[in-house]
Amino acid sequence: MTTYEAPTLAGVVFPRSRVATITMMIGFALLTALAAQIRIPVPGTPVPITGQTFAVLLAGAALGSRAGAGSQAIYWALGAIGLPFYANASGGWEAATGATAGYLVGFIAAAWVVGALAERGQDRNVWSAIPAFLAGNAVIYAFGVTWLLVSVEGIATMSEALTAGFTPFVIGDVVKILGVGLLLPLAWKLVDWSRR
């Protein structure tokens, strides 16, 4: 028995080819780098509020699991080699493995999760898209908060890690989830309308 896999938005809009997929992966890596520069420092935590999670969720939903995760792996790698792709135009190995490394790795896993859900059609309407994006965001927090707990001096308990890496960001992430949760179904409606 075969499970149904819906095509992703990018797969419907653009021709399916290796060159197109790689181009879109690089494009979403660059979009994530641009979104990282939308940065609001948060007192008491090394983690700023950024636009990255919006780009990560969008990459997974638009590209699917493998290409979405690939786009975020490219983003992480380009920042790790020193390009100013991370928040506050930072980059380099120290930034790639520093306090926010858990979030950066979480972006890869979250894009895969959201992409897998999009491949099953969960990005087509608001009522299934928002839970898919919540799941992706939960993956980012799981990686990010855990990394803060094990790697940042002065954060010794899960409560402290949550205070530093989760609580200050909930409202902003809800706004980003709602934004992408409305954008993807709207994009699908436009694509469906244009194909009539």
C-alpha atoms as a PDB file:
ATOM      1  CA  MET A   1       0.000   0.000   0.000  1.00  0.00           C
ATOM      2  CA  THR A   2       1.421   3.367  -1.021  1.00  0.00           C
ATOM      3  CA  THR A   3       0.903   6.476   1.091  1.00  0.00           C
ATOM      4  CA  TYR A   4      -0.263   9.609  -0.685  1.00  0.00           C
ATOM      5  CA  GLU A   5       2.356  12.318  -1.113  1.00  0.00           C
ATOM      6  CA  ALA A   6       1.165  15.697  -2.313  1.00  0.00           C
ATOM      7  CA  PRO A   7       3.574  17.778  -4.362  1.00  0.00           C
ATOM      8  CA  THR A   8       5.104  20.756  -2.608  1.00  0.00           C
ATOM      9  CA  LEU A   9       4.401  24.309  -3.659  1.00  0.00           C
ATOM     10  CA  ALA A  10       7.821  24.721  -5.268  1.00  0.00           C
ATOM     11  CA  GLY A  11       7.395  21.424  -7.084  1.00  0.00           C
ATOM     12  CA  VAL A  12       4.142  22.631  -8.631  1.00  0.00           C
ATOM     13  CA  VAL A  13       5.286  26.160  -9.502  1.00  0.00           C
ATOM     14  CA  PHE A  14       8.771  25.383 -10.824  1.00  0.00           C
ATOM     15  CA  PRO A  15      10.002  22.657 -13.155  1.00  0.00           C
ATOM     16  CA  ARG A  16      11.301  19.561 -11.394  1.00  0.00           C
ATOM     17  CA  SER A  17      15.001  19.362 -12.068  1.00  0.00           C
ATOM     18  CA  ARG A  18      18.166  19.039 -10.046  1.00  0.00           C
ATOM     19  CA  VAL A  19      19.257  22.553 -11.075  1.00  0.00           C
ATOM     20  CA  ALA A  20      15.916  24.070 -10.036  1.00  0.00           C
ATOM     21  CA  THR A  21      15.993  22.259  -6.690  1.00  0.00           C
ATOM     22  CA  ILE A  22      19.560  23.329  -5.898  1.00  0.00           C
ATOM     23  CA  THR A  23      18.765  26.901  -6.932  1.00  0.00           C
ATOM     24  CA  MET A  24      15.725  26.979  -4.632  1.00  0.00           C
ATOM     25  CA  MET A  25      17.718  25.467  -1.763  1.00  0.00           C
ATOM     26  CA  ILE A  26      20.363  28.181  -2.122  1.00  0.00           C
ATOM     27  CA  GLY A  27      17.622  30.797  -2.436  1.00  0.00           C
ATOM     28  CA  PHE A  28      16.011  29.713   0.830  1.00  0.00           C
ATOM     29  CA  ALA A  29      19.418  29.606   2.539  1.00  0.00           C
ATOM     30  CA  LEU A  30      19.914  33.226   1.465  1.00  0.00           C
ATOM     31  CA  LEU A  31      16.384  34.128   2.603  1.00  0.00           C
ATOM     32  CA  THR A  32      17.171  32.649   6.025  1.00  0.00           C
ATOM     33  CA  ALA A  33      20.395  34.684   6.150  1.00  0.00           C
ATOM     34  CA  LEU A  34      18.451  37.832   5.288  1.00  0.00           C
ATOM     35  CA  ALA A  35      15.773  37.037   7.894  1.00  0.00           C
ATOM     36  CA  ALA A  36      18.526  36.558  10.504  1.00  0.00           C
ATOM     37  CA  GLN A  37      19.360  40.238  10.160  1.00  0.00           C
ATOM     38  CA  ILE A  38      15.894  41.137  11.464  1.00  0.00           C
ATOM     39  CA  ARG A  39      17.158  41.012  15.016  1.00  0.00           C
ATOM     40  CA  ILE A  40      15.827  42.208  18.366  1.00  0.00           C
ATOM     41  CA  PRO A  41      18.174  41.631  21.336  1.00  0.00           C
ATOM     42  CA  VAL A  42      16.544  40.109  24.418  1.00  0.00           C
ATOM     43  CA  PRO A  43      18.004  41.108  27.805  1.00  0.00           C
ATOM     44  CA  GLY A  44      19.234  38.164  29.877  1.00  0.00           C
ATOM     45  CA  THR A  45      19.676  35.709  27.006  1.00  0.00           C
ATOM     46  CA  PRO A  46      22.298  35.170  24.287  1.00  0.00           C
ATOM     47  CA  VAL A  47      19.471  34.371  21.851  1.00  0.00           C
ATOM     48  CA  PRO A  48      17.913  37.308  19.942  1.00  0.00           C
ATOM     49  CA  ILE A  49      14.477  37.436  18.341  1.00  0.00           C
ATOM     50  CA  THR A  50      15.023  37.080  14.577  1.00  0.00           C
ATOM     51  CA  GLY A  51      13.047  36.409  11.424  1.00  0.00           C
ATOM     52  CA  GLN A  52      14.840  33.110  10.836  1.00  0.00           C
ATOM     53  CA  THR A  53      12.080  30.786  12.012  1.00  0.00           C
ATOM     54  CA  PHE A  54       9.678  32.313   9.479  1.00  0.00           C
ATOM     55  CA  ALA A  55      12.153  31.505   6.679  1.00  0.00           C
ATOM     56  CA  VAL A  56      12.836  28.010   8.053  1.00  0.00           C
ATOM     57  CA  LEU A  57       9.149  27.062   8.206  1.00  0.00           C
ATOM     58  CA  LEU A  58       8.566  28.546   4.759  1.00  0.00           C
ATOM     59  CA  ALA A  59      11.537  26.616   3.322  1.00  0.00           C
ATOM     60  CA  GLY A  60      10.267  23.307   4.655  1.00  0.00           C
ATOM     61  CA  ALA A  61       6.719  23.860   3.449  1.00  0.00           C
ATOM     62  CA  ALA A  62       7.665  25.172   0.018  1.00  0.00           C
ATOM     63  CA  LEU A  63      10.508  22.763  -0.768  1.00  0.00           C
ATOM     64  CA  GLY A  64       9.562  19.577   1.068  1.00  0.00           C
ATOM     65  CA  SER A  65      11.504  17.546   3.594  1.00  0.00           C
ATOM     66  CA  ARG A  66      14.817  16.841   1.875  1.00  0.00           C
ATOM     67  CA  ALA A  67      15.255  20.094  -0.034  1.00  0.00           C
ATOM     68  CA  GLY A  68      13.923  22.140   2.899  1.00  0.00           C
ATOM     69  CA  ALA A  69      16.370  20.533   5.313  1.00  0.00           C
ATOM     70  CA  GLY A  70      19.079  20.883   2.675  1.00  0.00           C
ATOM     71  CA  SER A  71      18.447  24.617   2.396  1.00  0.00           C
ATOM     72  CA  GLN A  72      18.986  25.014   6.128  1.00  0.00           C
ATOM     73  CA  ALA A  73      22.099  22.816   6.077  1.00  0.00           C
ATOM     74  CA  ILE A  74      23.471  25.125   3.369  1.00  0.00           C
ATOM     75  CA  TYR A  75      22.580  28.124   5.533  1.00  0.00           C
ATOM     76  CA  TRP A  76      24.383  26.632   8.549  1.00  0.00           C
ATOM     77  CA  ALA A  77      27.445  25.635   6.488  1.00  0.00           C
ATOM     78  CA  LEU A  78      27.810  29.013   4.768  1.00  0.00           C
ATOM     79  CA  GLY A  79      27.639  30.776   8.122  1.00  0.00           C
ATOM     80  CA  ALA A  80      30.069  28.267   9.646  1.00  0.00           C
ATOM     81  CA  ILE A  81      32.717  28.998   7.008  1.00  0.00           C
ATOM     82  CA  GLY A  82      32.576  32.669   7.911  1.00  0.00           C
ATOM     83  CA  LEU A  83      29.946  34.340   5.760  1.00  0.00           C
ATOM     84  CA  PRO A  84      27.974  36.914   7.794  1.00  0.00           C
ATOM     85  CA  PHE A  85      24.758  34.881   7.618  1.00  0.00           C
ATOM     86  CA  TYR A  86      23.804  34.522  11.265  1.00  0.00           C
ATOM     87  CA  ALA A  87      22.085  37.118  13.463  1.00  0.00           C
ATOM     88  CA  ASN A  88      23.889  40.448  13.671  1.00  0.00           C
ATOM     89  CA  ALA A  89      25.845  39.553  10.495  1.00  0.00           C
ATOM     90  CA  SER A  90      27.958  37.053  12.426  1.00  0.00           C
ATOM     91  CA  GLY A  91      29.541  33.920  11.044  1.00  0.00           C
ATOM     92  CA  GLY A  92      32.414  31.538  11.568  1.00  0.00           C
ATOM     93  CA  TRP A  93      32.885  28.289  13.426  1.00  0.00           C
ATOM     94  CA  GLU A  94      32.587  29.889  16.868  1.00  0.00           C
ATOM     95  CA  ALA A  95      29.196  31.371  15.976  1.00  0.00           C
ATOM     96  CA  ALA A  96      28.067  28.103  14.329  1.00  0.00           C
ATOM     97  CA  THR A  97      28.857  26.109  17.473  1.00  0.00           C
ATOM     98  CA  GLY A  98      28.141  28.770  20.109  1.00  0.00           C
ATOM     99  CA  ALA A  99      25.108  29.458  22.272  1.00  0.00           C
ATOM    100  CA  THR A 100      22.662  29.444  19.362  1.00  0.00           C
ATOM    101  CA  ALA A 101      24.039  26.285  17.686  1.00  0.00           C
ATOM    102  CA  GLY A 102      21.093  24.211  18.907  1.00  0.00           C
ATOM    103  CA  TYR A 103      18.685  26.513  17.123  1.00  0.00           C
ATOM    104  CA  LEU A 104      20.766  26.409  13.936  1.00  0.00           C
ATOM    105  CA  VAL A 105      20.754  22.588  13.915  1.00  0.00           C
ATOM    106  CA  GLY A 106      17.088  22.687  14.898  1.00  0.00           C
ATOM    107  CA  PHE A 107      16.387  24.684  11.733  1.00  0.00           C
ATOM    108  CA  ILE A 108      17.536  21.723   9.640  1.00  0.00           C
ATOM    109  CA  ALA A 109      15.369  19.241  11.560  1.00  0.00           C
ATOM    110  CA  ALA A 110      12.371  21.597  11.629  1.00  0.00           C
ATOM    111  CA  ALA A 111      12.499  22.197   7.879  1.00  0.00           C
ATOM    112  CA  TRP A 112      12.525  18.424   7.389  1.00  0.00           C
ATOM    113  CA  VAL A 113       9.512  17.927   9.700  1.00  0.00           C
ATOM    114  CA  VAL A 114       7.492  20.749   8.134  1.00  0.00           C
ATOM    115  CA  GLY A 115       8.471  19.546   4.655  1.00  0.00           C
ATOM    116  CA  ALA A 116       7.356  15.994   5.437  1.00  0.00           C
ATOM    117  CA  LEU A 117       3.996  17.341   6.617  1.00  0.00           C
ATOM    118  CA  ALA A 118       3.700  19.565   3.521  1.00  0.00           C
ATOM    119  CA  GLU A 119       4.382  16.531   1.322  1.00  0.00           C
ATOM    120  CA  ARG A 120       1.222  15.094   2.868  1.00  0.00           C
ATOM    121  CA  GLY A 121      -0.780  18.212   2.011  1.00  0.00           C
ATOM    122  CA  GLN A 122      -0.815  19.792   5.466  1.00  0.00           C
ATOM    123  CA  ASP A 123       0.205  23.208   4.129  1.00  0.00           C
ATOM    124  CA  ARG A 124      -2.894  23.541   1.961  1.00  0.00           C
ATOM    125  CA  ASN A 125      -5.310  25.026   4.487  1.00  0.00           C
ATOM    126  CA  VAL A 126      -4.907  27.128   7.609  1.00  0.00           C
ATOM    127  CA  TRP A 127      -6.314  24.499   9.981  1.00  0.00           C
ATOM    128  CA  SER A 128      -3.696  21.914   9.076  1.00  0.00           C
ATOM    129  CA  ALA A 129      -0.859  24.327   8.206  1.00  0.00           C
ATOM    130  CA  ILE A 130      -0.682  26.026  11.597  1.00  0.00           C
ATOM    131  CA  PRO A 131      -0.301  22.723  13.528  1.00  0.00           C
ATOM    132  CA  ALA A 132       2.416  21.672  11.045  1.00  0.00           C
ATOM    133  CA  PHE A 133       4.297  24.921  11.675  1.00  0.00           C
ATOM    134  CA  LEU A 134       3.804  24.577  15.427  1.00  0.00           C
ATOM    135  CA  ALA A 135       5.416  21.136  15.183  1.00  0.00           C
ATOM    136  CA  GLY A 136       8.359  22.605  13.282  1.00  0.00           C
ATOM    137  CA  ASN A 137       8.764  25.370  15.826  1.00  0.00           C
ATOM    138  CA  ALA A 138       8.653  22.842  18.672  1.00  0.00           C
ATOM    139  CA  VAL A 139      11.556  20.994  17.027  1.00  0.00           C
ATOM    140  CA  ILE A 140      13.579  24.233  16.898  1.00  0.00           C
ATOM    141  CA  TYR A 141      12.941  24.842  20.600  1.00  0.00           C
ATOM    142  CA  ALA A 142      13.788  21.244  21.525  1.00  0.00           C
ATOM    143  CA  PHE A 143      17.217  21.545  19.921  1.00  0.00           C
ATOM    144  CA  GLY A 144      17.843  25.147  20.967  1.00  0.00           C
ATOM    145  CA  VAL A 145      16.804  24.936  24.613  1.00  0.00           C
ATOM    146  CA  THR A 146      18.609  21.624  25.107  1.00  0.00           C
ATOM    147  CA  TRP A 147      21.811  23.104  23.668  1.00  0.00           C
ATOM    148  CA  LEU A 148      21.559  26.124  25.979  1.00  0.00           C
ATOM    149  CA  LEU A 149      21.225  23.766  28.946  1.00  0.00           C
ATOM    150  CA  VAL A 150      24.298  21.681  28.077  1.00  0.00           C
ATOM    151  CA  SER A 151      26.581  24.357  26.651  1.00  0.00           C
ATOM    152  CA  VAL A 152      26.008  27.788  28.197  1.00  0.00           C
ATOM    153  CA  GLU A 153      27.721  28.621  31.458  1.00  0.00           C
ATOM    154  CA  GLY A 154      25.245  29.930  34.014  1.00  0.00           C
ATOM    155  CA  ILE A 155      22.321  27.876  32.693  1.00  0.00           C
ATOM    156  CA  ALA A 156      22.164  24.891  35.007  1.00  0.00           C
ATOM    157  CA  THR A 157      18.502  23.831  35.038  1.00  0.00           C
ATOM    158  CA  MET A 158      15.808  23.236  32.451  1.00  0.00           C
ATOM    159  CA  SER A 159      13.846  26.083  34.009  1.00  0.00           C
ATOM    160  CA  GLU A 160      16.753  28.468  33.379  1.00  0.00           C
ATOM    161  CA  ALA A 161      17.143  27.163  29.824  1.00  0.00           C
ATOM    162  CA  LEU A 162      13.438  27.704  29.139  1.00  0.00           C
ATOM    163  CA  THR A 163      13.621  31.212  30.599  1.00  0.00           C
ATOM    164  CA  ALA A 164      16.612  32.037  28.372  1.00  0.00           C
ATOM    165  CA  GLY A 165      15.627  30.190  25.207  1.00  0.00           C
ATOM    166  CA  PHE A 166      11.863  29.755  25.060  1.00  0.00           C
ATOM    167  CA  THR A 167       9.709  32.109  27.137  1.00  0.00           C
ATOM    168  CA  PRO A 168      10.836  35.440  25.602  1.00  0.00           C
ATOM    169  CA  PHE A 169      10.207  34.165  22.077  1.00  0.00           C
ATOM    170  CA  VAL A 170       6.746  32.616  22.284  1.00  0.00           C
ATOM    171  CA  ILE A 171       4.737  35.669  21.217  1.00  0.00           C
ATOM    172  CA  GLY A 172       7.039  36.460  18.291  1.00  0.00           C
ATOM    173  CA  ASP A 173       6.990  32.859  17.136  1.00  0.00           C
ATOM    174  CA  VAL A 174       3.196  32.709  17.327  1.00  0.00           C
ATOM    175  CA  VAL A 175       3.083  35.754  15.030  1.00  0.00           C
ATOM    176  CA  LYS A 176       5.539  34.107  12.597  1.00  0.00           C
ATOM    177  CA  ILE A 177       3.614  30.818  12.671  1.00  0.00           C
ATOM    178  CA  LEU A 178       0.346  32.617  11.957  1.00  0.00           C
ATOM    179  CA  GLY A 179       2.034  34.552   9.150  1.00  0.00           C
ATOM    180  CA  VAL A 180       3.402  31.495   7.372  1.00  0.00           C
ATOM    181  CA  GLY A 181       0.233  29.549   8.268  1.00  0.00           C
ATOM    182  CA  LEU A 182      -1.817  32.098   6.331  1.00  0.00           C
ATOM    183  CA  LEU A 183       0.721  32.649   3.537  1.00  0.00           C
ATOM    184  CA  LEU A 184       1.104  29.031   2.368  1.00  0.00           C
ATOM    185  CA  PRO A 185      -2.610  28.233   2.012  1.00  0.00           C
ATOM    186  CA  LEU A 186      -3.083  31.560   0.200  1.00  0.00           C
ATOM    187  CA  ALA A 187      -0.214  30.714  -2.160  1.00  0.00           C
ATOM    188  CA  TRP A 188      -1.823  27.326  -2.859  1.00  0.00           C
ATOM    189  CA  LYS A 189      -5.142  29.034  -3.645  1.00  0.00           C
ATOM    190  CA  LEU A 190      -3.379  31.352  -6.106  1.00  0.00           C
ATOM    191  CA  VAL A 191      -1.586  28.429  -7.747  1.00  0.00           C
ATOM    192  CA  ASP A 192      -4.821  26.430  -7.997  1.00  0.00           C
ATOM    193  CA  TRP A 193      -6.621  29.454  -9.451  1.00  0.00           C
ATOM    194  CA  SER A 194      -3.878  30.092 -12.032  1.00  0.00           C
ATOM    195  CA  ARG A 195      -3.995  26.456 -13.202  1.00  0.00           C
ATOM    196  CA  ARG A 196      -7.707  26.595 -14.079  1.00  0.00           C
END
